[in-house]
Amino acid sequence: MKDLLRKLFSPVLNPLEAGNADYDYRPSHRKILIAMGALFIFLSVVALIATVYAGQWGGVLPVAVFLLVGLLCEVVAFLGSDRAVAKLWKSK
């Protein structure tokens, strides 16, 4: 299943996993990335509820941005290699 998901998200993962340069990876980086992704997804849900409740459809853009950032964090944290996590953190 993980291989299928890695193929599906390869356009996101391949640029992050490319390169031969040294990288500094710590397991805490992955854990923090999971937490950040969860917080961004939670923020997008709260913003969506507030947008619908207020009837102000201008809030759809922040919902989309928060959701995309949260999903990116979760995809890299769960499917990405150590290099991808370090590259997302800009660790060298």
Protein backbone atom coordinates (compact mmCIF):
# COMPACT_ATOMS: atom_id res chain seq x y z
CA MET A 1 0.00 0.00 0.00
CA LYS A 2 2.83 2.36 0.88
CA ASP A 3 4.45 1.78 -2.53
CA LEU A 4 1.19 2.65 -4.28
CA LEU A 5 0.85 5.86 -2.28
CA ARG A 6 4.50 6.75 -2.94
CA LYS A 7 3.84 6.37 -6.68
CA LEU A 8 0.71 8.50 -6.40
CA PHE A 9 2.55 11.29 -4.56
CA SER A 10 5.79 10.97 -6.54
CA PRO A 11 5.45 14.48 -8.07
CA VAL A 12 5.67 15.86 -4.53
CA LEU A 13 8.24 13.43 -3.14
CA ASN A 14 10.71 13.18 -6.03
CA PRO A 15 11.98 16.79 -5.88
CA LEU A 16 12.44 16.50 -2.12
CA GLU A 17 14.29 13.18 -2.37
CA ALA A 18 16.57 14.22 -5.25
CA GLY A 19 20.20 15.13 -4.78
CA ASN A 20 23.37 13.72 -3.31
CA ALA A 21 24.23 16.44 -0.81
CA ASP A 22 24.61 15.66 2.85
CA TYR A 23 21.58 16.20 5.04
CA ASP A 24 20.95 16.41 8.76
CA TYR A 25 18.00 14.26 9.77
CA ARG A 26 16.69 13.71 13.26
CA PRO A 27 13.64 11.58 14.13
CA SER A 28 12.18 14.58 15.98
CA HIS A 29 11.92 16.40 12.63
CA ARG A 30 9.45 13.77 11.39
CA LYS A 31 7.42 13.93 14.61
CA ILE A 32 7.22 17.71 14.49
CA LEU A 33 6.23 17.53 10.81
CA ILE A 34 3.36 15.19 11.71
CA ALA A 35 2.22 17.56 14.47
CA MET A 36 2.45 20.60 12.18
CA GLY A 37 0.47 18.83 9.48
CA ALA A 38 -2.24 17.89 11.96
CA LEU A 39 -2.41 21.48 13.22
CA PHE A 40 -2.71 22.91 9.70
CA ILE A 41 -5.47 20.43 8.83
CA PHE A 42 -7.27 21.28 12.07
CA LEU A 43 -6.90 24.98 11.28
CA SER A 44 -8.36 24.44 7.81
CA VAL A 45 -11.38 22.63 9.27
CA VAL A 46 -11.97 25.42 11.79
CA ALA A 47 -11.60 28.04 9.05
CA LEU A 48 -14.04 26.11 6.84
CA ILE A 49 -16.61 25.97 9.65
CA ALA A 50 -16.18 29.70 10.30
CA THR A 51 -16.46 30.45 6.58
CA VAL A 52 -19.67 28.48 6.18
CA TYR A 53 -21.15 29.86 9.40
CA ALA A 54 -20.37 33.47 8.45
CA GLY A 55 -21.37 33.01 4.83
CA GLN A 56 -18.23 34.85 3.70
CA TRP A 57 -16.88 32.77 0.84
CA GLY A 58 -13.65 34.74 0.78
CA GLY A 59 -12.47 32.35 3.49
CA VAL A 60 -12.20 29.49 1.01
CA LEU A 61 -8.69 30.56 -0.03
CA PRO A 62 -7.20 30.26 3.49
CA VAL A 63 -9.00 26.94 3.91
CA ALA A 64 -7.41 25.63 0.71
CA VAL A 65 -3.94 26.92 1.61
CA PHE A 66 -4.02 25.49 5.16
CA LEU A 67 -5.34 22.16 3.88
CA LEU A 68 -2.68 21.89 1.18
CA VAL A 69 0.14 22.74 3.59
CA GLY A 70 -1.19 20.24 6.12
CA LEU A 71 -1.50 17.50 3.52
CA LEU A 72 2.01 18.21 2.23
CA CYS A 73 3.41 17.89 5.75
CA GLU A 74 1.58 14.61 6.35
CA VAL A 75 2.55 13.10 2.99
CA VAL A 76 6.22 13.90 3.48
CA ALA A 77 6.17 12.77 7.11
CA PHE A 78 4.50 9.43 6.45
CA LEU A 79 5.72 8.55 2.95
CA GLY A 80 8.91 10.52 2.44
CA SER A 81 12.45 9.37 3.03
CA ASP A 82 14.76 10.85 5.65
CA ARG A 83 16.25 13.04 2.91
CA ALA A 84 12.81 14.42 2.01
CA VAL A 85 12.07 15.32 5.62
CA ALA A 86 15.46 16.98 6.03
CA LYS A 87 15.09 18.87 2.74
CA LEU A 88 11.66 20.14 3.80
CA TRP A 89 13.32 21.39 6.99
CA LYS A 90 16.17 22.83 4.87
CA SER A 91 18.66 20.93 7.03
CA LYS A 92 22.16 20.54 5.63
